Amino acid sequence: MLDIFNTSEMIMMGLVVFSSFWIFLFNYRQDNKEKYSGNSWLILLDLLINMGMSVTGYLLISVVFTNIPQLAAYEGYRYPIGYLFGLTSNVSIPIVLKWFQQQITKKLNEAGKGK
């Protein structure tokens, strides 16, 4: 567990947070302008949530690579895979939740028409 707080891990978490900030700034904010209109505090909250998801995604891969002996042969891939997984985790989770919401809405609409 102390491996999470070593210098290389802290540098990688900082890189993930930095990259997550720019992805949020250039991509996510433009897609949701109507949601944020008049709610500037919501932008900050959403940014913190996205950065948290990115760091959590990176930490998940890092913990898996350091604690599973079968992955010792692939130790060199830990940082690139963790970086990419961290950045895609803050994008993929909202996409999956939106898809899930659409599926539930579709089923409820079908159930409502059937009655």
C-alpha atoms as a PDB file:
ATOM      1  CA  MET A   1       0.000   0.000   0.000  1.00  0.00           C
ATOM      2  CA  LEU A   2       2.924   2.339   0.569  1.00  0.00           C
ATOM      3  CA  ASP A   3       3.816   1.954  -3.108  1.00  0.00           C
ATOM      4  CA  ILE A   4       0.933   4.319  -3.933  1.00  0.00           C
ATOM      5  CA  PHE A   5       2.768   7.228  -2.299  1.00  0.00           C
ATOM      6  CA  ASN A   6       6.184   6.846  -3.910  1.00  0.00           C
ATOM      7  CA  THR A   7       7.555   9.516  -6.231  1.00  0.00           C
ATOM      8  CA  SER A   8       6.805   7.828  -9.551  1.00  0.00           C
ATOM      9  CA  GLU A   9       3.204   7.111  -8.560  1.00  0.00           C
ATOM     10  CA  MET A  10       2.671  10.699  -7.406  1.00  0.00           C
ATOM     11  CA  ILE A  11       4.119  12.017 -10.681  1.00  0.00           C
ATOM     12  CA  MET A  12       1.810   9.742 -12.679  1.00  0.00           C
ATOM     13  CA  MET A  13      -1.235  10.775 -10.628  1.00  0.00           C
ATOM     14  CA  GLY A  14      -0.292  14.415 -11.222  1.00  0.00           C
ATOM     15  CA  LEU A  15       0.002  13.732 -14.953  1.00  0.00           C
ATOM     16  CA  VAL A  16      -3.395  12.021 -14.981  1.00  0.00           C
ATOM     17  CA  VAL A  17      -4.992  14.943 -13.100  1.00  0.00           C
ATOM     18  CA  PHE A  18      -3.360  17.476 -15.438  1.00  0.00           C
ATOM     19  CA  SER A  19      -4.498  15.597 -18.547  1.00  0.00           C
ATOM     20  CA  SER A  20      -7.964  15.084 -17.107  1.00  0.00           C
ATOM     21  CA  PHE A  21      -8.277  18.823 -16.528  1.00  0.00           C
ATOM     22  CA  TRP A  22      -7.497  19.605 -20.172  1.00  0.00           C
ATOM     23  CA  ILE A  23      -9.822  16.914 -21.466  1.00  0.00           C
ATOM     24  CA  PHE A  24     -12.584  18.353 -19.309  1.00  0.00           C
ATOM     25  CA  LEU A  25     -11.792  21.909 -20.357  1.00  0.00           C
ATOM     26  CA  PHE A  26     -11.804  21.304 -24.105  1.00  0.00           C
ATOM     27  CA  ASN A  27     -14.292  18.499 -24.480  1.00  0.00           C
ATOM     28  CA  TYR A  28     -16.748  17.931 -21.678  1.00  0.00           C
ATOM     29  CA  ARG A  29     -17.586  21.590 -21.007  1.00  0.00           C
ATOM     30  CA  GLN A  30     -18.604  22.210 -24.621  1.00  0.00           C
ATOM     31  CA  ASP A  31     -20.949  19.223 -24.684  1.00  0.00           C
ATOM     32  CA  ASN A  32     -22.914  20.321 -21.630  1.00  0.00           C
ATOM     33  CA  LYS A  33     -23.219  24.111 -21.874  1.00  0.00           C
ATOM     34  CA  GLU A  34     -26.972  24.059 -21.222  1.00  0.00           C
ATOM     35  CA  LYS A  35     -26.503  22.017 -18.043  1.00  0.00           C
ATOM     36  CA  TYR A  36     -23.947  24.475 -16.690  1.00  0.00           C
ATOM     37  CA  SER A  37     -25.687  27.730 -17.610  1.00  0.00           C
ATOM     38  CA  GLY A  38     -25.991  29.813 -14.465  1.00  0.00           C
ATOM     39  CA  ASN A  39     -24.453  27.079 -12.289  1.00  0.00           C
ATOM     40  CA  SER A  40     -20.749  27.838 -12.205  1.00  0.00           C
ATOM     41  CA  TRP A  41     -20.328  25.833  -8.974  1.00  0.00           C
ATOM     42  CA  LEU A  42     -21.557  22.790 -10.899  1.00  0.00           C
ATOM     43  CA  ILE A  43     -18.637  23.125 -13.308  1.00  0.00           C
ATOM     44  CA  LEU A  44     -16.156  22.896 -10.431  1.00  0.00           C
ATOM     45  CA  LEU A  45     -17.975  19.940  -8.877  1.00  0.00           C
ATOM     46  CA  ASP A  46     -18.098  18.090 -12.195  1.00  0.00           C
ATOM     47  CA  LEU A  47     -14.409  18.819 -12.774  1.00  0.00           C
ATOM     48  CA  LEU A  48     -13.482  17.413  -9.364  1.00  0.00           C
ATOM     49  CA  ILE A  49     -15.587  14.311  -9.967  1.00  0.00           C
ATOM     50  CA  ASN A  50     -13.938  13.736 -13.357  1.00  0.00           C
ATOM     51  CA  MET A  51     -10.453  14.191 -11.926  1.00  0.00           C
ATOM     52  CA  GLY A  52     -11.321  11.809  -9.100  1.00  0.00           C
ATOM     53  CA  MET A  53     -12.538   9.180 -11.554  1.00  0.00           C
ATOM     54  CA  SER A  54      -9.326   9.546 -13.550  1.00  0.00           C
ATOM     55  CA  VAL A  55      -7.065   9.113 -10.531  1.00  0.00           C
ATOM     56  CA  THR A  56      -9.171   6.203  -9.298  1.00  0.00           C
ATOM     57  CA  GLY A  57      -8.886   4.500 -12.699  1.00  0.00           C
ATOM     58  CA  TYR A  58      -5.121   4.958 -12.670  1.00  0.00           C
ATOM     59  CA  LEU A  59      -4.840   3.655  -9.100  1.00  0.00           C
ATOM     60  CA  LEU A  60      -6.898   0.601  -9.974  1.00  0.00           C
ATOM     61  CA  ILE A  61      -4.465  -0.412 -12.713  1.00  0.00           C
ATOM     62  CA  SER A  62      -1.462   0.396 -10.545  1.00  0.00           C
ATOM     63  CA  VAL A  63      -2.733  -1.728  -7.658  1.00  0.00           C
ATOM     64  CA  VAL A  64      -3.551  -4.607  -9.992  1.00  0.00           C
ATOM     65  CA  PHE A  65      -0.093  -4.517 -11.599  1.00  0.00           C
ATOM     66  CA  THR A  66       1.724  -4.397  -8.272  1.00  0.00           C
ATOM     67  CA  ASN A  67      -0.318  -7.082  -6.492  1.00  0.00           C
ATOM     68  CA  ILE A  68      -0.844  -9.778  -9.118  1.00  0.00           C
ATOM     69  CA  PRO A  69       2.317 -11.854  -9.560  1.00  0.00           C
ATOM     70  CA  GLN A  70       1.354 -13.046 -13.044  1.00  0.00           C
ATOM     71  CA  LEU A  71       1.636  -9.444 -14.311  1.00  0.00           C
ATOM     72  CA  ALA A  72       5.258  -9.041 -13.183  1.00  0.00           C
ATOM     73  CA  ALA A  73       6.417  -9.834 -16.714  1.00  0.00           C
ATOM     74  CA  TYR A  74       4.423  -6.847 -17.994  1.00  0.00           C
ATOM     75  CA  GLU A  75       5.572  -4.333 -15.368  1.00  0.00           C
ATOM     76  CA  GLY A  76       6.830  -1.974 -18.097  1.00  0.00           C
ATOM     77  CA  TYR A  77       3.278  -1.505 -19.350  1.00  0.00           C
ATOM     78  CA  ARG A  78       1.895  -0.404 -15.975  1.00  0.00           C
ATOM     79  CA  TYR A  79       2.305   3.337 -16.490  1.00  0.00           C
ATOM     80  CA  PRO A  80       1.003   3.629 -20.063  1.00  0.00           C
ATOM     81  CA  ILE A  81      -1.965   1.333 -19.398  1.00  0.00           C
ATOM     82  CA  GLY A  82      -2.731   3.091 -16.129  1.00  0.00           C
ATOM     83  CA  TYR A  83      -2.533   6.493 -17.814  1.00  0.00           C
ATOM     84  CA  LEU A  84      -4.857   5.499 -20.654  1.00  0.00           C
ATOM     85  CA  PHE A  85      -7.278   3.688 -18.355  1.00  0.00           C
ATOM     86  CA  GLY A  86      -7.340   6.674 -16.016  1.00  0.00           C
ATOM     87  CA  LEU A  87      -8.191   9.072 -18.815  1.00  0.00           C
ATOM     88  CA  THR A  88     -10.789   6.836 -20.409  1.00  0.00           C
ATOM     89  CA  SER A  89     -12.480   6.051 -17.099  1.00  0.00           C
ATOM     90  CA  ASN A  90     -13.779   9.590 -16.739  1.00  0.00           C
ATOM     91  CA  VAL A  91     -15.153   9.448 -20.280  1.00  0.00           C
ATOM     92  CA  SER A  92     -16.517   5.907 -20.386  1.00  0.00           C
ATOM     93  CA  ILE A  93     -18.476   5.963 -17.124  1.00  0.00           C
ATOM     94  CA  PRO A  94     -20.778   8.851 -18.181  1.00  0.00           C
ATOM     95  CA  ILE A  95     -21.252   7.204 -21.587  1.00  0.00           C
ATOM     96  CA  VAL A  96     -22.309   3.922 -19.964  1.00  0.00           C
ATOM     97  CA  LEU A  97     -24.633   5.738 -17.554  1.00  0.00           C
ATOM     98  CA  LYS A  98     -26.227   7.673 -20.419  1.00  0.00           C
ATOM     99  CA  TRP A  99     -26.722   4.435 -22.383  1.00  0.00           C
ATOM    100  CA  PHE A 100     -28.248   2.799 -19.294  1.00  0.00           C
ATOM    101  CA  GLN A 101     -30.611   5.762 -18.844  1.00  0.00           C
ATOM    102  CA  GLN A 102     -31.702   5.511 -22.484  1.00  0.00           C
ATOM    103  CA  GLN A 103     -32.374   1.795 -22.129  1.00  0.00           C
ATOM    104  CA  ILE A 104     -34.473   2.290 -19.005  1.00  0.00           C
ATOM    105  CA  THR A 105     -36.416   5.127 -20.640  1.00  0.00           C
ATOM    106  CA  LYS A 106     -37.033   2.956 -23.683  1.00  0.00           C
ATOM    107  CA  LYS A 107     -38.323   0.062 -21.541  1.00  0.00           C
ATOM    108  CA  LEU A 108     -40.552   2.376 -19.496  1.00  0.00           C
ATOM    109  CA  ASN A 109     -42.002   3.896 -22.651  1.00  0.00           C
ATOM    110  CA  GLU A 110     -42.691   0.422 -24.061  1.00  0.00           C
ATOM    111  CA  ALA A 111     -44.333  -0.636 -20.793  1.00  0.00           C
ATOM    112  CA  GLY A 112     -46.452   2.526 -20.779  1.00  0.00           C
ATOM    113  CA  LYS A 113     -47.684   1.914 -24.320  1.00  0.00           C
ATOM    114  CA  GLY A 114     -48.538  -1.696 -23.537  1.00  0.00           C
ATOM    115  CA  LYS A 115     -51.131  -0.788 -20.875  1.00  0.00           C
END
